[in-house]
mmCIF file of all heavy atoms, coordinates in Angstrom:
data_MODEL
# 
_entry.id   MODEL 
# 
loop_
_atom_site.group_PDB 
_atom_site.id 
_atom_site.type_symbol 
_atom_site.label_atom_id 
_atom_site.label_alt_id 
_atom_site.label_comp_id 
_atom_site.label_asym_id 
_atom_site.label_entity_id 
_atom_site.label_seq_id 
_atom_site.pdbx_PDB_ins_code 
_atom_site.Cartn_x 
_atom_site.Cartn_y 
_atom_site.Cartn_z 
_atom_site.occupancy 
_atom_site.B_iso_or_equiv 
_atom_site.pdbx_formal_charge 
_atom_site.auth_seq_id 
_atom_site.auth_comp_id 
_atom_site.auth_asym_id 
_atom_site.auth_atom_id 
_atom_site.pdbx_PDB_model_num 
ATOM 1   N N   . SER A 1 1  ? -13.934 4.203   21.299  1.00 0.00 ? 1  SER A N   1 
ATOM 2   C CA  . SER A 1 1  ? -12.988 4.402   22.386  1.00 0.00 ? 1  SER A CA  1 
ATOM 3   C C   . SER A 1 1  ? -11.724 3.579   22.178  1.00 0.00 ? 1  SER A C   1 
ATOM 4   O O   . SER A 1 1  ? -10.603 4.073   22.386  1.00 0.00 ? 1  SER A O   1 
ATOM 5   C CB  . SER A 1 1  ? -13.644 4.031   23.720  1.00 0.00 ? 1  SER A CB  1 
ATOM 6   O OG  . SER A 1 1  ? -12.717 4.137   24.785  1.00 0.00 ? 1  SER A OG  1 
ATOM 7   N N   . GLU A 1 2  ? -11.886 2.336   21.761  1.00 0.00 ? 2  GLU A N   1 
ATOM 8   C CA  . GLU A 1 2  ? -10.735 1.458   21.565  1.00 0.00 ? 2  GLU A CA  1 
ATOM 9   C C   . GLU A 1 2  ? -9.871  1.928   20.398  1.00 0.00 ? 2  GLU A C   1 
ATOM 10  O O   . GLU A 1 2  ? -8.639  1.995   20.496  1.00 0.00 ? 2  GLU A O   1 
ATOM 11  C CB  . GLU A 1 2  ? -11.213 0.029   21.334  1.00 0.00 ? 2  GLU A CB  1 
ATOM 12  C CG  . GLU A 1 2  ? -10.124 -0.970  20.958  1.00 0.00 ? 2  GLU A CG  1 
ATOM 13  C CD  . GLU A 1 2  ? -9.089  -1.179  22.055  1.00 0.00 ? 2  GLU A CD  1 
ATOM 14  O OE1 . GLU A 1 2  ? -9.431  -0.985  23.240  1.00 0.00 ? 2  GLU A OE1 1 
ATOM 15  O OE2 . GLU A 1 2  ? -7.942  -1.530  21.718  1.00 0.00 ? 2  GLU A OE2 1 
ATOM 16  N N   . ILE A 1 3  ? -10.508 2.276   19.279  1.00 0.00 ? 3  ILE A N   1 
ATOM 17  C CA  . ILE A 1 3  ? -9.741  2.683   18.098  1.00 0.00 ? 3  ILE A CA  1 
ATOM 18  C C   . ILE A 1 3  ? -9.044  4.025   18.349  1.00 0.00 ? 3  ILE A C   1 
ATOM 19  O O   . ILE A 1 3  ? -7.903  4.236   17.928  1.00 0.00 ? 3  ILE A O   1 
ATOM 20  C CB  . ILE A 1 3  ? -10.658 2.764   16.869  1.00 0.00 ? 3  ILE A CB  1 
ATOM 21  C CG1 . ILE A 1 3  ? -11.154 1.362   16.505  1.00 0.00 ? 3  ILE A CG1 1 
ATOM 22  C CG2 . ILE A 1 3  ? -9.930  3.389   15.683  1.00 0.00 ? 3  ILE A CG2 1 
ATOM 23  C CD1 . ILE A 1 3  ? -12.131 1.325   15.336  1.00 0.00 ? 3  ILE A CD1 1 
ATOM 24  N N   . ALA A 1 4  ? -9.726  4.941   19.037  1.00 0.00 ? 4  ALA A N   1 
ATOM 25  C CA  . ALA A 1 4  ? -9.146  6.260   19.289  1.00 0.00 ? 4  ALA A CA  1 
ATOM 26  C C   . ALA A 1 4  ? -7.872  6.183   20.126  1.00 0.00 ? 4  ALA A C   1 
ATOM 27  O O   . ALA A 1 4  ? -7.031  7.091   20.082  1.00 0.00 ? 4  ALA A O   1 
ATOM 28  C CB  . ALA A 1 4  ? -10.166 7.153   19.984  1.00 0.00 ? 4  ALA A CB  1 
ATOM 29  N N   . SER A 1 5  ? -7.696  5.102   20.870  1.00 0.00 ? 5  SER A N   1 
ATOM 30  C CA  . SER A 1 5  ? -6.509  4.964   21.728  1.00 0.00 ? 5  SER A CA  1 
ATOM 31  C C   . SER A 1 5  ? -5.302  4.421   20.980  1.00 0.00 ? 5  SER A C   1 
ATOM 32  O O   . SER A 1 5  ? -4.195  4.390   21.540  1.00 0.00 ? 5  SER A O   1 
ATOM 33  C CB  . SER A 1 5  ? -6.833  4.034   22.904  1.00 0.00 ? 5  SER A CB  1 
ATOM 34  O OG  . SER A 1 5  ? -7.022  2.693   22.457  1.00 0.00 ? 5  SER A OG  1 
ATOM 35  N N   . ARG A 1 6  ? -5.495  4.007   19.723  1.00 0.00 ? 6  ARG A N   1 
ATOM 36  C CA  . ARG A 1 6  ? -4.393  3.392   18.981  1.00 0.00 ? 6  ARG A CA  1 
ATOM 37  C C   . ARG A 1 6  ? -3.396  4.448   18.495  1.00 0.00 ? 6  ARG A C   1 
ATOM 38  O O   . ARG A 1 6  ? -3.775  5.536   18.052  1.00 0.00 ? 6  ARG A O   1 
ATOM 39  C CB  . ARG A 1 6  ? -4.929  2.604   17.788  1.00 0.00 ? 6  ARG A CB  1 
ATOM 40  C CG  . ARG A 1 6  ? -5.849  1.451   18.155  1.00 0.00 ? 6  ARG A CG  1 
ATOM 41  C CD  . ARG A 1 6  ? -5.125  0.392   18.993  1.00 0.00 ? 6  ARG A CD  1 
ATOM 42  N NE  . ARG A 1 6  ? -6.017  -0.690  19.401  1.00 0.00 ? 6  ARG A NE  1 
ATOM 43  C CZ  . ARG A 1 6  ? -6.168  -1.830  18.735  1.00 0.00 ? 6  ARG A CZ  1 
ATOM 44  N NH1 . ARG A 1 6  ? -5.483  -2.028  17.608  1.00 0.00 ? 6  ARG A NH1 1 
ATOM 45  N NH2 . ARG A 1 6  ? -6.980  -2.761  19.190  1.00 0.00 ? 6  ARG A NH2 1 
ATOM 46  N N   . LYS A 1 7  ? -2.113  4.089   18.538  1.00 0.00 ? 7  LYS A N   1 
ATOM 47  C CA  . LYS A 1 7  ? -1.066  4.954   18.012  1.00 0.00 ? 7  LYS A CA  1 
ATOM 48  C C   . LYS A 1 7  ? -0.895  4.719   16.522  1.00 0.00 ? 7  LYS A C   1 
ATOM 49  O O   . LYS A 1 7  ? -1.136  3.618   16.022  1.00 0.00 ? 7  LYS A O   1 
ATOM 50  C CB  . LYS A 1 7  ? 0.248   4.693   18.751  1.00 0.00 ? 7  LYS A CB  1 
ATOM 51  C CG  . LYS A 1 7  ? 0.209   5.061   20.230  1.00 0.00 ? 7  LYS A CG  1 
ATOM 52  C CD  . LYS A 1 7  ? 1.563   4.816   20.888  1.00 0.00 ? 7  LYS A CD  1 
ATOM 53  C CE  . LYS A 1 7  ? 1.527   5.228   22.363  1.00 0.00 ? 7  LYS A CE  1 
ATOM 54  N NZ  . LYS A 1 7  ? 2.842   5.001   23.023  1.00 0.00 ? 7  LYS A NZ  1 
ATOM 55  N N   . LEU A 1 8  ? -0.475  5.762   15.819  1.00 0.00 ? 8  LEU A N   1 
ATOM 56  C CA  . LEU A 1 8  ? -0.332  5.687   14.368  1.00 0.00 ? 8  LEU A CA  1 
ATOM 57  C C   . LEU A 1 8  ? 1.137   5.807   13.966  1.00 0.00 ? 8  LEU A C   1 
ATOM 58  O O   . LEU A 1 8  ? 1.459   6.422   12.949  1.00 0.00 ? 8  LEU A O   1 
ATOM 59  C CB  . LEU A 1 8  ? -1.157  6.795   13.702  1.00 0.00 ? 8  LEU A CB  1 
ATOM 60  C CG  . LEU A 1 8  ? -2.648  6.835   14.054  1.00 0.00 ? 8  LEU A CG  1 
ATOM 61  C CD1 . LEU A 1 8  ? -3.335  7.991   13.352  1.00 0.00 ? 8  LEU A CD1 1 
ATOM 62  C CD2 . LEU A 1 8  ? -3.326  5.508   13.705  1.00 0.00 ? 8  LEU A CD2 1 
ATOM 63  N N   . ASP A 1 9  ? 2.018   5.174   14.746  1.00 0.00 ? 9  ASP A N   1 
ATOM 64  C CA  . ASP A 1 9  ? 3.435   5.314   14.455  1.00 0.00 ? 9  ASP A CA  1 
ATOM 65  C C   . ASP A 1 9  ? 3.992   4.177   13.602  1.00 0.00 ? 9  ASP A C   1 
ATOM 66  O O   . ASP A 1 9  ? 5.129   4.252   13.132  1.00 0.00 ? 9  ASP A O   1 
ATOM 67  C CB  . ASP A 1 9  ? 4.240   5.403   15.757  1.00 0.00 ? 9  ASP A CB  1 
ATOM 68  C CG  . ASP A 1 9  ? 3.887   4.286   16.737  1.00 0.00 ? 9  ASP A CG  1 
ATOM 69  O OD1 . ASP A 1 9  ? 3.065   3.421   16.373  1.00 0.00 ? 9  ASP A OD1 1 
ATOM 70  O OD2 . ASP A 1 9  ? 4.428   4.292   17.856  1.00 0.00 ? 9  ASP A OD2 1 
ATOM 71  N N   . ALA A 1 10 ? 3.198   3.121   13.381  1.00 0.00 ? 10 ALA A N   1 
ATOM 72  C CA  . ALA A 1 10 ? 3.682   2.016   12.544  1.00 0.00 ? 10 ALA A CA  1 
ATOM 73  C C   . ALA A 1 10 ? 3.566   2.390   11.075  1.00 0.00 ? 10 ALA A C   1 
ATOM 74  O O   . ALA A 1 10 ? 2.637   3.085   10.670  1.00 0.00 ? 10 ALA A O   1 
ATOM 75  C CB  . ALA A 1 10 ? 2.881   0.750   12.822  1.00 0.00 ? 10 ALA A CB  1 
ATOM 76  N N   . ARG A 1 11 ? 4.501   1.948   10.280  1.00 0.00 ? 11 ARG A N   1 
ATOM 77  C CA  . ARG A 1 11 ? 4.473   2.204   8.842   1.00 0.00 ? 11 ARG A CA  1 
ATOM 78  C C   . ARG A 1 11 ? 4.678   0.892   8.097   1.00 0.00 ? 11 ARG A C   1 
ATOM 79  O O   . ARG A 1 11 ? 5.535   0.077   8.470   1.00 0.00 ? 11 ARG A O   1 
ATOM 80  C CB  . ARG A 1 11 ? 5.567   3.207   8.427   1.00 0.00 ? 11 ARG A CB  1 
ATOM 81  C CG  . ARG A 1 11 ? 5.271   4.640   8.894   1.00 0.00 ? 11 ARG A CG  1 
ATOM 82  C CD  . ARG A 1 11 ? 4.050   5.200   8.176   1.00 0.00 ? 11 ARG A CD  1 
ATOM 83  N NE  . ARG A 1 11 ? 3.695   6.547   8.602   1.00 0.00 ? 11 ARG A NE  1 
ATOM 84  C CZ  . ARG A 1 11 ? 2.759   6.841   9.470   1.00 0.00 ? 11 ARG A CZ  1 
ATOM 85  N NH1 . ARG A 1 11 ? 2.097   5.865   10.068  1.00 0.00 ? 11 ARG A NH1 1 
ATOM 86  N NH2 . ARG A 1 11 ? 2.483   8.092   9.781   1.00 0.00 ? 11 ARG A NH2 1 
ATOM 87  N N   . THR A 1 12 ? 3.865   0.658   7.064   1.00 0.00 ? 12 THR A N   1 
ATOM 88  C CA  . THR A 1 12 ? 3.969   -0.571  6.294   1.00 0.00 ? 12 THR A CA  1 
ATOM 89  C C   . THR A 1 12 ? 5.178   -0.510  5.361   1.00 0.00 ? 12 THR A C   1 
ATOM 90  O O   . THR A 1 12 ? 5.537   0.554   4.847   1.00 0.00 ? 12 THR A O   1 
ATOM 91  C CB  . THR A 1 12 ? 2.693   -0.795  5.453   1.00 0.00 ? 12 THR A CB  1 
ATOM 92  O OG1 . THR A 1 12 ? 2.476   0.355   4.637   1.00 0.00 ? 12 THR A OG1 1 
ATOM 93  C CG2 . THR A 1 12 ? 1.493   -0.995  6.354   1.00 0.00 ? 12 THR A CG2 1 
ATOM 94  N N   . GLU A 1 13 ? 5.788   -1.668  5.166   1.00 0.00 ? 13 GLU A N   1 
ATOM 95  C CA  . GLU A 1 13 ? 6.950   -1.746  4.297   1.00 0.00 ? 13 GLU A CA  1 
ATOM 96  C C   . GLU A 1 13 ? 6.533   -2.224  2.909   1.00 0.00 ? 13 GLU A C   1 
ATOM 97  O O   . GLU A 1 13 ? 5.642   -3.050  2.757   1.00 0.00 ? 13 GLU A O   1 
ATOM 98  C CB  . GLU A 1 13 ? 7.987   -2.705  4.890   1.00 0.00 ? 13 GLU A CB  1 
ATOM 99  C CG  . GLU A 1 13 ? 8.558   -2.242  6.215   1.00 0.00 ? 13 GLU A CG  1 
ATOM 100 C CD  . GLU A 1 13 ? 9.637   -3.186  6.735   1.00 0.00 ? 13 GLU A CD  1 
ATOM 101 O OE1 . GLU A 1 13 ? 9.939   -4.177  6.013   1.00 0.00 ? 13 GLU A OE1 1 
ATOM 102 O OE2 . GLU A 1 13 ? 10.166  -2.939  7.817   1.00 0.00 ? 13 GLU A OE2 1 
ATOM 103 N N   . ARG A 1 14 ? 7.238   -1.705  1.888   1.00 0.00 ? 14 ARG A N   1 
ATOM 104 C CA  . ARG A 1 14 ? 6.948   -2.121  0.512   1.00 0.00 ? 14 ARG A CA  1 
ATOM 105 C C   . ARG A 1 14 ? 7.487   -3.526  0.284   1.00 0.00 ? 14 ARG A C   1 
ATOM 106 O O   . ARG A 1 14 ? 8.510   -3.932  0.818   1.00 0.00 ? 14 ARG A O   1 
ATOM 107 C CB  . ARG A 1 14 ? 7.578   -1.146  -0.476  1.00 0.00 ? 14 ARG A CB  1 
ATOM 108 C CG  . ARG A 1 14 ? 7.046   0.268   -0.371  1.00 0.00 ? 14 ARG A CG  1 
ATOM 109 C CD  . ARG A 1 14 ? 7.727   1.171   -1.366  1.00 0.00 ? 14 ARG A CD  1 
ATOM 110 N NE  . ARG A 1 14 ? 7.283   0.914   -2.723  1.00 0.00 ? 14 ARG A NE  1 
ATOM 111 C CZ  . ARG A 1 14 ? 7.893   1.402   -3.793  1.00 0.00 ? 14 ARG A CZ  1 
ATOM 112 N NH1 . ARG A 1 14 ? 8.999   2.097   -3.667  1.00 0.00 ? 14 ARG A NH1 1 
ATOM 113 N NH2 . ARG A 1 14 ? 7.417   1.157   -4.991  1.00 0.00 ? 14 ARG A NH2 1 
ATOM 114 N N   . SER A 1 15 ? 6.792   -4.255  -0.567  1.00 0.00 ? 15 SER A N   1 
ATOM 115 C CA  . SER A 1 15 ? 7.187   -5.618  -0.883  1.00 0.00 ? 15 SER A CA  1 
ATOM 116 C C   . SER A 1 15 ? 8.356   -5.627  -1.863  1.00 0.00 ? 15 SER A C   1 
ATOM 117 O O   . SER A 1 15 ? 8.603   -4.653  -2.590  1.00 0.00 ? 15 SER A O   1 
ATOM 118 C CB  . SER A 1 15 ? 5.992   -6.355  -1.482  1.00 0.00 ? 15 SER A CB  1 
ATOM 119 O OG  . SER A 1 15 ? 6.366   -7.591  -2.033  1.00 0.00 ? 15 SER A OG  1 
ATOM 120 N N   . ASP A 1 16 ? 9.068   -6.759  -1.884  1.00 0.00 ? 16 ASP A N   1 
ATOM 121 C CA  . ASP A 1 16 ? 10.115  -6.955  -2.892  1.00 0.00 ? 16 ASP A CA  1 
ATOM 122 C C   . ASP A 1 16 ? 9.523   -7.362  -4.241  1.00 0.00 ? 16 ASP A C   1 
ATOM 123 O O   . ASP A 1 16 ? 10.229  -7.383  -5.253  1.00 0.00 ? 16 ASP A O   1 
ATOM 124 C CB  . ASP A 1 16 ? 11.098  -8.037  -2.430  1.00 0.00 ? 16 ASP A CB  1 
ATOM 125 C CG  . ASP A 1 16 ? 11.913  -7.604  -1.223  1.00 0.00 ? 16 ASP A CG  1 
ATOM 126 O OD1 . ASP A 1 16 ? 12.111  -6.382  -1.074  1.00 0.00 ? 16 ASP A OD1 1 
ATOM 127 O OD2 . ASP A 1 16 ? 12.335  -8.476  -0.434  1.00 0.00 ? 16 ASP A OD2 1 
ATOM 128 N N   . VAL A 1 17 ? 8.236   -7.703  -4.258  1.00 0.00 ? 17 VAL A N   1 
ATOM 129 C CA  . VAL A 1 17 ? 7.604   -8.173  -5.497  1.00 0.00 ? 17 VAL A CA  1 
ATOM 130 C C   . VAL A 1 17 ? 7.326   -6.985  -6.426  1.00 0.00 ? 17 VAL A C   1 
ATOM 131 O O   . VAL A 1 17 ? 6.700   -5.995  -6.012  1.00 0.00 ? 17 VAL A O   1 
ATOM 132 C CB  . VAL A 1 17 ? 6.287   -8.920  -5.196  1.00 0.00 ? 17 VAL A CB  1 
ATOM 133 C CG1 . VAL A 1 17 ? 5.598   -9.345  -6.486  1.00 0.00 ? 17 VAL A CG1 1 
ATOM 134 C CG2 . VAL A 1 17 ? 6.549   -10.119 -4.294  1.00 0.00 ? 17 VAL A CG2 1 
ATOM 135 N N   . LEU A 1 18 ? 7.764   -7.088  -7.662  1.00 0.00 ? 18 LEU A N   1 
ATOM 136 C CA  . LEU A 1 18 ? 7.481   -6.082  -8.692  1.00 0.00 ? 18 LEU A CA  1 
ATOM 137 C C   . LEU A 1 18 ? 6.660   -6.730  -9.793  1.00 0.00 ? 18 LEU A C   1 
ATOM 138 O O   . LEU A 1 18 ? 7.073   -7.727  -10.384 1.00 0.00 ? 18 LEU A O   1 
ATOM 139 C CB  . LEU A 1 18 ? 8.780   -5.516  -9.271  1.00 0.00 ? 18 LEU A CB  1 
ATOM 140 C CG  . LEU A 1 18 ? 8.614   -4.554  -10.458 1.00 0.00 ? 18 LEU A CG  1 
ATOM 141 C CD1 . LEU A 1 18 ? 7.872   -3.291  -10.031 1.00 0.00 ? 18 LEU A CD1 1 
ATOM 142 C CD2 . LEU A 1 18 ? 9.967   -4.201  -11.069 1.00 0.00 ? 18 LEU A CD2 1 
ATOM 143 N N   . VAL A 1 19 ? 5.486   -6.174  -10.074 1.00 0.00 ? 19 VAL A N   1 
ATOM 144 C CA  . VAL A 1 19 ? 4.602   -6.680  -11.128 1.00 0.00 ? 19 VAL A CA  1 
ATOM 145 C C   . VAL A 1 19 ? 4.648   -5.699  -12.295 1.00 0.00 ? 19 VAL A C   1 
ATOM 146 O O   . VAL A 1 19 ? 4.360   -4.510  -12.120 1.00 0.00 ? 19 VAL A O   1 
ATOM 147 C CB  . VAL A 1 19 ? 3.154   -6.827  -10.617 1.00 0.00 ? 19 VAL A CB  1 
ATOM 148 C CG1 . VAL A 1 19 ? 2.241   -7.325  -11.728 1.00 0.00 ? 19 VAL A CG1 1 
ATOM 149 C CG2 . VAL A 1 19 ? 3.104   -7.771  -9.417  1.00 0.00 ? 19 VAL A CG2 1 
ATOM 150 N N   . GLU A 1 20 ? 4.998   -6.190  -13.475 1.00 0.00 ? 20 GLU A N   1 
ATOM 151 C CA  . GLU A 1 20 ? 4.990   -5.359  -14.682 1.00 0.00 ? 20 GLU A CA  1 
ATOM 152 C C   . GLU A 1 20 ? 3.727   -5.651  -15.485 1.00 0.00 ? 20 GLU A C   1 
ATOM 153 O O   . GLU A 1 20 ? 3.396   -6.811  -15.730 1.00 0.00 ? 20 GLU A O   1 
ATOM 154 C CB  . GLU A 1 20 ? 6.240   -5.610  -15.519 1.00 0.00 ? 20 GLU A CB  1 
ATOM 155 C CG  . GLU A 1 20 ? 7.519   -5.121  -14.854 1.00 0.00 ? 20 GLU A CG  1 
ATOM 156 C CD  . GLU A 1 20 ? 8.690   -5.101  -15.817 1.00 0.00 ? 20 GLU A CD  1 
ATOM 157 O OE1 . GLU A 1 20 ? 8.616   -5.752  -16.879 1.00 0.00 ? 20 GLU A OE1 1 
ATOM 158 O OE2 . GLU A 1 20 ? 9.687   -4.417  -15.505 1.00 0.00 ? 20 GLU A OE2 1 
ATOM 159 N N   . ILE A 1 21 ? 3.035   -4.581  -15.885 1.00 0.00 ? 21 ILE A N   1 
ATOM 160 C CA  . ILE A 1 21 ? 1.753   -4.715  -16.586 1.00 0.00 ? 21 ILE A CA  1 
ATOM 161 C C   . ILE A 1 21 ? 1.850   -4.028  -17.944 1.00 0.00 ? 21 ILE A C   1 
ATOM 162 O O   . ILE A 1 21 ? 1.908   -2.790  -18.012 1.00 0.00 ? 21 ILE A O   1 
ATOM 163 C CB  . ILE A 1 21 ? 0.606   -4.096  -15.758 1.00 0.00 ? 21 ILE A CB  1 
ATOM 164 C CG1 . ILE A 1 21 ? 0.512   -4.772  -14.380 1.00 0.00 ? 21 ILE A CG1 1 
ATOM 165 C CG2 . ILE A 1 21 ? -0.715  -4.207  -16.502 1.00 0.00 ? 21 ILE A CG2 1 
ATOM 166 C CD1 . ILE A 1 21 ? -0.519  -4.155  -13.461 1.00 0.00 ? 21 ILE A CD1 1 
ATOM 167 N N   . PRO A 1 22 ? 1.862   -4.784  -19.057 1.00 0.00 ? 22 PRO A N   1 
ATOM 168 C CA  . PRO A 1 22 ? 1.847   -4.166  -20.391 1.00 0.00 ? 22 PRO A CA  1 
ATOM 169 C C   . PRO A 1 22 ? 0.481   -3.521  -20.663 1.00 0.00 ? 22 PRO A C   1 
ATOM 170 O O   . PRO A 1 22 ? -0.566  -4.103  -20.353 1.00 0.00 ? 22 PRO A O   1 
ATOM 171 C CB  . PRO A 1 22 ? 2.092   -5.352  -21.333 1.00 0.00 ? 22 PRO A CB  1 
ATOM 172 C CG  . PRO A 1 22 ? 2.567   -6.470  -20.464 1.00 0.00 ? 22 PRO A CG  1 
ATOM 173 C CD  . PRO A 1 22 ? 1.967   -6.253  -19.128 1.00 0.00 ? 22 PRO A CD  1 
ATOM 174 N N   . VAL A 1 23 ? 0.491   -2.332  -21.234 1.00 0.00 ? 23 VAL A N   1 
ATOM 175 C CA  . VAL A 1 23 ? -0.741  -1.570  -21.465 1.00 0.00 ? 23 VAL A CA  1 
ATOM 176 C C   . VAL A 1 23 ? -0.790  -1.074  -22.902 1.00 0.00 ? 23 VAL A C   1 
ATOM 177 O O   . VAL A 1 23 ? 0.203   -0.548  -23.424 1.00 0.00 ? 23 VAL A O   1 
ATOM 178 C CB  . VAL A 1 23 ? -0.830  -0.354  -20.514 1.00 0.00 ? 23 VAL A CB  1 
ATOM 179 C CG1 . VAL A 1 23 ? -2.110  0.439   -20.770 1.00 0.00 ? 23 VAL A CG1 1 
ATOM 180 C CG2 . VAL A 1 23 ? -0.758  -0.804  -19.059 1.00 0.00 ? 23 VAL A CG2 1 
ATOM 181 N N   . HIS A 1 24 ? -1.938  -1.263  -23.540 1.00 0.00 ? 24 HIS A N   1 
ATOM 182 C CA  . HIS A 1 24 ? -2.218  -0.616  -24.820 1.00 0.00 ? 24 HIS A CA  1 
ATOM 183 C C   . HIS A 1 24 ? -2.904  0.716   -24.495 1.00 0.00 ? 24 HIS A C   1 
ATOM 184 O O   . HIS A 1 24 ? -4.048  0.731   -24.024 1.00 0.00 ? 24 HIS A O   1 
ATOM 185 C CB  . HIS A 1 24 ? -3.130  -1.493  -25.692 1.00 0.00 ? 24 HIS A CB  1 
ATOM 186 C CG  . HIS A 1 24 ? -2.536  -2.839  -26.024 1.00 0.00 ? 24 HIS A CG  1 
ATOM 187 N ND1 . HIS A 1 24 ? -1.637  -3.021  -27.042 1.00 0.00 ? 24 HIS A ND1 1 
ATOM 188 C CD2 . HIS A 1 24 ? -2.714  -4.059  -25.444 1.00 0.00 ? 24 HIS A CD2 1 
ATOM 189 C CE1 . HIS A 1 24 ? -1.285  -4.288  -27.098 1.00 0.00 ? 24 HIS A CE1 1 
ATOM 190 N NE2 . HIS A 1 24 ? -1.923  -4.948  -26.138 1.00 0.00 ? 24 HIS A NE2 1 
ATOM 191 N N   . TYR A 1 25 ? -2.224  1.808   -24.738 1.00 0.00 ? 25 TYR A N   1 
ATOM 192 C CA  . TYR A 1 25 ? -2.745  3.129   -24.345 1.00 0.00 ? 25 TYR A CA  1 
ATOM 193 C C   . TYR A 1 25 ? -3.685  3.669   -25.428 1.00 0.00 ? 25 TYR A C   1 
ATOM 194 O O   . TYR A 1 25 ? -3.329  4.501   -26.249 1.00 0.00 ? 25 TYR A O   1 
ATOM 195 C CB  . TYR A 1 25 ? -1.595  4.087   -24.067 1.00 0.00 ? 25 TYR A CB  1 
ATOM 196 C CG  . TYR A 1 25 ? -0.929  3.814   -22.739 1.00 0.00 ? 25 TYR A CG  1 
ATOM 197 C CD1 . TYR A 1 25 ? 0.210   3.015   -22.654 1.00 0.00 ? 25 TYR A CD1 1 
ATOM 198 C CD2 . TYR A 1 25 ? -1.466  4.313   -21.553 1.00 0.00 ? 25 TYR A CD2 1 
ATOM 199 C CE1 . TYR A 1 25 ? 0.813   2.745   -21.431 1.00 0.00 ? 25 TYR A CE1 1 
ATOM 200 C CE2 . TYR A 1 25 ? -0.876  4.044   -20.319 1.00 0.00 ? 25 TYR A CE2 1 
ATOM 201 C CZ  . TYR A 1 25 ? 0.261   3.267   -20.264 1.00 0.00 ? 25 TYR A CZ  1 
ATOM 202 O OH  . TYR A 1 25 ? 0.853   2.993   -19.053 1.00 0.00 ? 25 TYR A OH  1 
ATOM 203 N N   . ASN A 1 26 ? -4.930  3.151   -25.399 1.00 0.00 ? 26 ASN A N   1 
ATOM 204 C CA  . ASN A 1 26 ? -5.954  3.537   -26.366 1.00 0.00 ? 26 ASN A CA  1 
ATOM 205 C C   . ASN A 1 26 ? -7.291  3.794   -25.669 1.00 0.00 ? 26 ASN A C   1 
ATOM 206 O O   . ASN A 1 26 ? -8.351  3.607   -26.256 1.00 0.00 ? 26 ASN A O   1 
ATOM 207 C CB  . ASN A 1 26 ? -6.120  2.448   -27.427 1.00 0.00 ? 26 ASN A CB  1 
ATOM 208 C CG  . ASN A 1 26 ? -6.420  1.071   -26.805 1.00 0.00 ? 26 ASN A CG  1 
ATOM 209 O OD1 . ASN A 1 26 ? -6.564  0.956   -25.587 1.00 0.00 ? 26 ASN A OD1 1 
ATOM 210 N ND2 . ASN A 1 26 ? -6.513  0.045   -27.634 1.00 0.00 ? 26 ASN A ND2 1 
ATOM 211 N N   . GLY A 1 27 ? -7.247  4.205   -24.400 1.00 0.00 ? 27 GLY A N   1 
ATOM 212 C CA  . GLY A 1 27 ? -8.468  4.371   -23.625 1.00 0.00 ? 27 GLY A CA  1 
ATOM 213 C C   . GLY A 1 27 ? -9.354  5.495   -24.125 1.00 0.00 ? 27 GLY A C   1 
ATOM 214 O O   . GLY A 1 27 ? -8.890  6.486   -24.701 1.00 0.00 ? 27 GLY A O   1 
# 
């Protein structure tokens, strides 16, 4: 009952942090 009453209008913002990941493409 409590969760069903919640509104879904909030949106999360992306962080300013950028992580670069080097990959060896040999999977």
